[in-house]
Every structure is written in structure tokens, then in C-alpha cells.
Amino acid sequence: MSALPEPSEQLDAIVRSLSPHCGAAEVTLPGESFDNLVRQLATLRKLMVNMEREVGAFRLAEAAREGRKAVDQLASDQLHRMVADPEGKVIRPDFGGRN
């Protein structure tokens, strides 16, 4: 499978093919040129859909990282409150393993 061109390259090709017709009162394209334009636009659409999905995945991954940081901080705060008493003494559990 051949690699798809960059979206900017596709857009550049479309602009180059259409720019000679700018300012004309009426534009006609041969059927083959029109078909080629539609193929380029379809390829560009596929590229953009893939890029949108990739950006969405990166955004979800970043949100997950931020969420993990918040959960870790809350868990650390809660654990710290459970271990230290209000008078500043540290409470250590004794499981009876020492003599």
C-alpha cells in the first residue's frame, strides 16, 4: 500500500489546478479533470479523518494522565491523613512480629 500524501500537498495541488480559473465569469472542467479533483478531495477527506482521530486519541491520553495525577494526589492526601494524628504524632501499626 502506498503512503498517502500530506494534506497540505493535496490542498496545494487543488489550489494550483483551480487558480488559473480565478476571476472567470464561468468555469468549465473536462470530465477527467473533474474526476481527478473529486479523487483528490476524497483522499484529503480520508487524511483529515485520520488526523482528527489521532489528535482525539492524544487528547484522551493527556486527559487520562491529568486524571491519574489528580487521583494520585487525592490518594496521597487521604493516606497522609490516615497515618498522622492531629497532634503531629506518626502512628505506626504494630502487627506483633517483634519481641
N, C-alpha and C. Protein backbone atom coordinates (compact mmCIF):
# COMPACT_ATOMS: atom_id res chain seq x y z
N MET A 1 0.84 -1.17 0.00
CA MET A 1 0.00 0.00 0.00
C MET A 1 0.89 1.24 0.00
N SER A 2 0.62 2.17 -0.89
CA SER A 2 1.44 3.37 -0.97
C SER A 2 1.03 4.37 0.10
N ALA A 3 2.00 5.15 0.53
CA ALA A 3 1.72 6.15 1.56
C ALA A 3 0.90 7.29 0.98
N LEU A 4 -0.02 7.77 1.77
CA LEU A 4 -0.85 8.90 1.33
C LEU A 4 -0.05 10.19 1.45
N PRO A 5 -0.27 11.12 0.53
CA PRO A 5 0.45 12.39 0.62
C PRO A 5 -0.07 13.23 1.79
N GLU A 6 0.70 14.22 2.14
CA GLU A 6 0.30 15.13 3.22
C GLU A 6 -0.90 15.94 2.77
N PRO A 7 -1.80 16.29 3.72
CA PRO A 7 -2.97 17.11 3.36
C PRO A 7 -2.57 18.44 2.71
N SER A 8 -1.49 19.05 3.19
CA SER A 8 -1.07 20.32 2.60
C SER A 8 -0.67 20.15 1.14
N GLU A 9 -0.06 19.01 0.81
CA GLU A 9 0.30 18.74 -0.58
C GLU A 9 -0.94 18.58 -1.44
N GLN A 10 -1.94 17.88 -0.92
CA GLN A 10 -3.19 17.70 -1.65
C GLN A 10 -3.87 19.05 -1.88
N LEU A 11 -3.94 19.86 -0.83
CA LEU A 11 -4.57 21.18 -0.97
C LEU A 11 -3.80 22.05 -1.96
N ASP A 12 -2.50 21.98 -1.92
CA ASP A 12 -1.68 22.75 -2.85
C ASP A 12 -1.98 22.35 -4.29
N ALA A 13 -2.10 21.05 -4.54
CA ALA A 13 -2.39 20.58 -5.90
C ALA A 13 -3.76 21.07 -6.36
N ILE A 14 -4.73 21.06 -5.46
CA ILE A 14 -6.08 21.53 -5.82
C ILE A 14 -6.05 23.03 -6.12
N VAL A 15 -5.38 23.79 -5.28
CA VAL A 15 -5.29 25.24 -5.49
C VAL A 15 -4.59 25.55 -6.82
N ARG A 16 -3.51 24.85 -7.10
CA ARG A 16 -2.79 25.07 -8.37
C ARG A 16 -3.67 24.76 -9.58
N SER A 17 -4.47 23.69 -9.46
CA SER A 17 -5.31 23.34 -10.62
C SER A 17 -6.48 24.29 -10.80
N LEU A 18 -6.95 24.90 -9.72
CA LEU A 18 -8.11 25.80 -9.81
C LEU A 18 -7.73 27.27 -9.97
N SER A 19 -6.53 27.66 -9.54
CA SER A 19 -6.17 29.08 -9.55
C SER A 19 -6.16 29.72 -10.93
N PRO A 20 -5.84 29.02 -12.02
CA PRO A 20 -5.91 29.68 -13.33
C PRO A 20 -7.33 30.14 -13.69
N HIS A 21 -8.33 29.56 -13.04
CA HIS A 21 -9.71 29.89 -13.36
C HIS A 21 -10.28 31.00 -12.48
N CYS A 22 -9.49 31.49 -11.52
CA CYS A 22 -9.98 32.55 -10.63
C CYS A 22 -10.30 33.81 -11.43
N GLY A 23 -11.40 34.44 -11.09
CA GLY A 23 -11.80 35.68 -11.73
C GLY A 23 -12.61 35.49 -13.00
N ALA A 24 -12.74 34.26 -13.45
CA ALA A 24 -13.52 34.00 -14.67
C ALA A 24 -15.01 34.06 -14.35
N ALA A 25 -15.78 34.49 -15.31
CA ALA A 25 -17.23 34.55 -15.12
C ALA A 25 -17.83 33.16 -15.09
N GLU A 26 -17.25 32.25 -15.83
CA GLU A 26 -17.77 30.88 -15.88
C GLU A 26 -16.58 29.94 -16.03
N VAL A 27 -16.64 28.81 -15.35
CA VAL A 27 -15.55 27.84 -15.40
C VAL A 27 -16.11 26.50 -15.84
N THR A 28 -15.44 25.89 -16.78
CA THR A 28 -15.80 24.53 -17.19
C THR A 28 -14.55 23.66 -17.06
N LEU A 29 -14.77 22.45 -16.62
CA LEU A 29 -13.68 21.50 -16.47
C LEU A 29 -14.01 20.26 -17.30
N PRO A 30 -13.00 19.71 -17.97
CA PRO A 30 -13.24 18.43 -18.64
C PRO A 30 -13.59 17.36 -17.61
N GLY A 31 -14.32 16.37 -18.01
CA GLY A 31 -14.75 15.31 -17.10
C GLY A 31 -13.60 14.67 -16.36
N GLU A 32 -12.48 14.43 -17.04
CA GLU A 32 -11.32 13.79 -16.41
C GLU A 32 -10.74 14.69 -15.32
N SER A 33 -10.65 15.99 -15.57
CA SER A 33 -10.14 16.93 -14.56
C SER A 33 -11.07 16.98 -13.35
N PHE A 34 -12.37 16.97 -13.62
CA PHE A 34 -13.34 16.98 -12.52
C PHE A 34 -13.22 15.72 -11.69
N ASP A 35 -13.10 14.56 -12.36
CA ASP A 35 -12.93 13.29 -11.65
C ASP A 35 -11.67 13.29 -10.80
N ASN A 36 -10.59 13.86 -11.35
CA ASN A 36 -9.34 13.94 -10.60
C ASN A 36 -9.50 14.84 -9.37
N LEU A 37 -10.20 15.94 -9.53
CA LEU A 37 -10.45 16.85 -8.40
C LEU A 37 -11.24 16.15 -7.31
N VAL A 38 -12.25 15.39 -7.69
CA VAL A 38 -13.05 14.66 -6.71
C VAL A 38 -12.20 13.61 -6.01
N ARG A 39 -11.32 12.91 -6.73
CA ARG A 39 -10.43 11.92 -6.11
C ARG A 39 -9.50 12.59 -5.10
N GLN A 40 -8.96 13.74 -5.47
CA GLN A 40 -8.08 14.46 -4.55
C GLN A 40 -8.83 14.88 -3.29
N LEU A 41 -10.04 15.37 -3.46
CA LEU A 41 -10.83 15.78 -2.29
C LEU A 41 -11.18 14.58 -1.41
N ALA A 42 -11.48 13.44 -2.02
CA ALA A 42 -11.80 12.23 -1.25
C ALA A 42 -10.57 11.77 -0.46
N THR A 43 -9.40 11.82 -1.09
CA THR A 43 -8.16 11.45 -0.40
C THR A 43 -7.88 12.41 0.75
N LEU A 44 -8.08 13.69 0.48
CA LEU A 44 -7.88 14.70 1.52
C LEU A 44 -8.82 14.48 2.69
N ARG A 45 -10.06 14.13 2.41
CA ARG A 45 -11.02 13.85 3.48
C ARG A 45 -10.56 12.67 4.34
N LYS A 46 -10.07 11.61 3.70
CA LYS A 46 -9.57 10.45 4.45
C LYS A 46 -8.40 10.84 5.35
N LEU A 47 -7.50 11.64 4.80
CA LEU A 47 -6.34 12.09 5.58
C LEU A 47 -6.79 12.90 6.80
N MET A 48 -7.74 13.78 6.60
CA MET A 48 -8.20 14.62 7.69
C MET A 48 -8.94 13.81 8.76
N VAL A 49 -9.73 12.83 8.35
CA VAL A 49 -10.41 11.97 9.32
C VAL A 49 -9.38 11.23 10.18
N ASN A 50 -8.34 10.70 9.54
CA ASN A 50 -7.29 10.01 10.28
C ASN A 50 -6.58 10.95 11.24
N MET A 51 -6.29 12.16 10.80
CA MET A 51 -5.62 13.12 11.67
C MET A 51 -6.51 13.52 12.84
N GLU A 52 -7.81 13.70 12.59
CA GLU A 52 -8.73 14.04 13.66
C GLU A 52 -8.79 12.93 14.71
N ARG A 53 -8.81 11.69 14.24
CA ARG A 53 -8.82 10.56 15.19
C ARG A 53 -7.54 10.51 16.00
N GLU A 54 -6.42 10.74 15.35
CA GLU A 54 -5.14 10.70 16.06
C GLU A 54 -5.07 11.81 17.11
N VAL A 55 -5.48 13.01 16.74
CA VAL A 55 -5.48 14.11 17.70
C VAL A 55 -6.42 13.81 18.86
N GLY A 56 -7.58 13.22 18.55
CA GLY A 56 -8.53 12.85 19.60
C GLY A 56 -7.93 11.84 20.56
N ALA A 57 -7.20 10.87 20.02
CA ALA A 57 -6.55 9.87 20.87
C ALA A 57 -5.50 10.52 21.77
N PHE A 58 -4.71 11.44 21.22
CA PHE A 58 -3.72 12.13 22.03
C PHE A 58 -4.39 12.96 23.12
N ARG A 59 -5.49 13.60 22.81
CA ARG A 59 -6.19 14.40 23.82
C ARG A 59 -6.74 13.51 24.93
N LEU A 60 -7.28 12.35 24.56
CA LEU A 60 -7.77 11.41 25.58
C LEU A 60 -6.63 10.91 26.46
N ALA A 61 -5.50 10.62 25.85
CA ALA A 61 -4.34 10.14 26.62
C ALA A 61 -3.87 11.22 27.59
N GLU A 62 -3.85 12.47 27.13
CA GLU A 62 -3.43 13.57 28.00
C GLU A 62 -4.42 13.76 29.16
N ALA A 63 -5.71 13.66 28.86
CA ALA A 63 -6.72 13.79 29.91
C ALA A 63 -6.57 12.66 30.93
N ALA A 64 -6.26 11.47 30.44
CA ALA A 64 -6.06 10.33 31.36
C ALA A 64 -4.86 10.57 32.26
N ARG A 65 -3.77 11.12 31.69
CA ARG A 65 -2.59 11.43 32.50
C ARG A 65 -2.93 12.46 33.59
N GLU A 66 -3.65 13.48 33.21
CA GLU A 66 -4.04 14.51 34.19
C GLU A 66 -4.96 13.90 35.26
N GLY A 67 -5.86 13.02 34.85
CA GLY A 67 -6.75 12.36 35.80
C GLY A 67 -5.99 11.49 36.78
N ARG A 68 -4.99 10.78 36.27
CA ARG A 68 -4.17 9.94 37.16
C ARG A 68 -3.42 10.79 38.18
N LYS A 69 -2.92 11.95 37.73
CA LYS A 69 -2.22 12.83 38.67
C LYS A 69 -3.16 13.27 39.79
N ALA A 70 -4.38 13.62 39.43
CA ALA A 70 -5.34 14.09 40.44
C ALA A 70 -5.70 12.96 41.39
N VAL A 71 -5.92 11.76 40.88
CA VAL A 71 -6.25 10.62 41.73
C VAL A 71 -5.09 10.28 42.65
N ASP A 72 -3.87 10.30 42.11
CA ASP A 72 -2.69 10.04 42.95
C ASP A 72 -2.57 11.06 44.08
N GLN A 73 -2.79 12.32 43.76
CA GLN A 73 -2.69 13.37 44.79
C GLN A 73 -3.76 13.18 45.86
N LEU A 74 -4.99 12.90 45.43
CA LEU A 74 -6.07 12.68 46.41
C LEU A 74 -5.79 11.46 47.29
N ALA A 75 -5.29 10.39 46.67
CA ALA A 75 -4.97 9.19 47.45
C ALA A 75 -3.84 9.46 48.44
N SER A 76 -2.83 10.20 48.00
CA SER A 76 -1.72 10.54 48.91
C SER A 76 -2.21 11.39 50.07
N ASP A 77 -3.05 12.38 49.78
CA ASP A 77 -3.60 13.22 50.85
C ASP A 77 -4.40 12.39 51.85
N GLN A 78 -5.21 11.50 51.34
CA GLN A 78 -6.05 10.66 52.20
C GLN A 78 -5.19 9.74 53.06
N LEU A 79 -4.18 9.14 52.47
CA LEU A 79 -3.29 8.25 53.21
C LEU A 79 -2.53 9.03 54.28
N HIS A 80 -2.09 10.21 53.93
CA HIS A 80 -1.37 11.03 54.91
C HIS A 80 -2.26 11.36 56.11
N ARG A 81 -3.52 11.67 55.85
CA ARG A 81 -4.46 11.97 56.95
C ARG A 81 -4.71 10.74 57.81
N MET A 82 -4.68 9.54 57.22
CA MET A 82 -4.92 8.32 57.99
C MET A 82 -3.73 7.98 58.88
N VAL A 83 -2.50 8.27 58.43
CA VAL A 83 -1.29 7.86 59.14
C VAL A 83 -0.91 8.85 60.24
N ALA A 84 -1.05 10.13 60.01
CA ALA A 84 -0.64 11.13 61.00
C ALA A 84 -1.84 11.53 61.85
N ASP A 85 -1.62 11.62 63.16
CA ASP A 85 -2.73 12.06 64.00
C ASP A 85 -2.72 13.59 64.07
N PRO A 86 -3.78 14.20 64.55
CA PRO A 86 -3.89 15.66 64.55
C PRO A 86 -2.85 16.37 65.40
N GLU A 87 -2.24 15.68 66.34
CA GLU A 87 -1.24 16.32 67.21
C GLU A 87 0.16 16.23 66.62
N GLY A 88 0.30 15.70 65.44
CA GLY A 88 1.59 15.63 64.79
C GLY A 88 2.36 14.35 65.04
N LYS A 89 1.80 13.42 65.79
CA LYS A 89 2.48 12.15 66.04
C LYS A 89 2.21 11.23 64.85
N VAL A 90 3.18 10.42 64.55
CA VAL A 90 3.03 9.43 63.49
C VAL A 90 2.58 8.13 64.11
N ILE A 91 1.54 7.57 63.59
CA ILE A 91 1.01 6.31 64.12
C ILE A 91 1.52 5.19 63.23
N ARG A 92 2.21 4.23 63.85
CA ARG A 92 2.71 3.09 63.09
C ARG A 92 2.00 1.84 63.61
N PRO A 93 1.46 1.04 62.71
CA PRO A 93 0.78 -0.16 63.14
C PRO A 93 1.75 -1.18 63.72
N ASP A 94 1.30 -1.94 64.72
CA ASP A 94 2.11 -2.99 65.33
C ASP A 94 1.41 -4.30 65.05
N PHE A 95 2.02 -5.11 64.24
CA PHE A 95 1.41 -6.39 63.89
C PHE A 95 1.93 -7.53 64.77
N GLY A 96 2.68 -7.23 65.79
CA GLY A 96 3.11 -8.23 66.74
C GLY A 96 4.25 -9.11 66.26
N GLY A 97 4.99 -8.69 65.28
CA GLY A 97 6.09 -9.51 64.76
C GLY A 97 7.38 -9.34 65.52
N ARG A 98 7.47 -8.33 66.37
CA ARG A 98 8.72 -8.08 67.11
C ARG A 98 8.55 -8.51 68.56
N ASN A 99 9.67 -8.88 69.18
CA ASN A 99 9.64 -9.27 70.61
C ASN A 99 10.14 -8.17 71.47
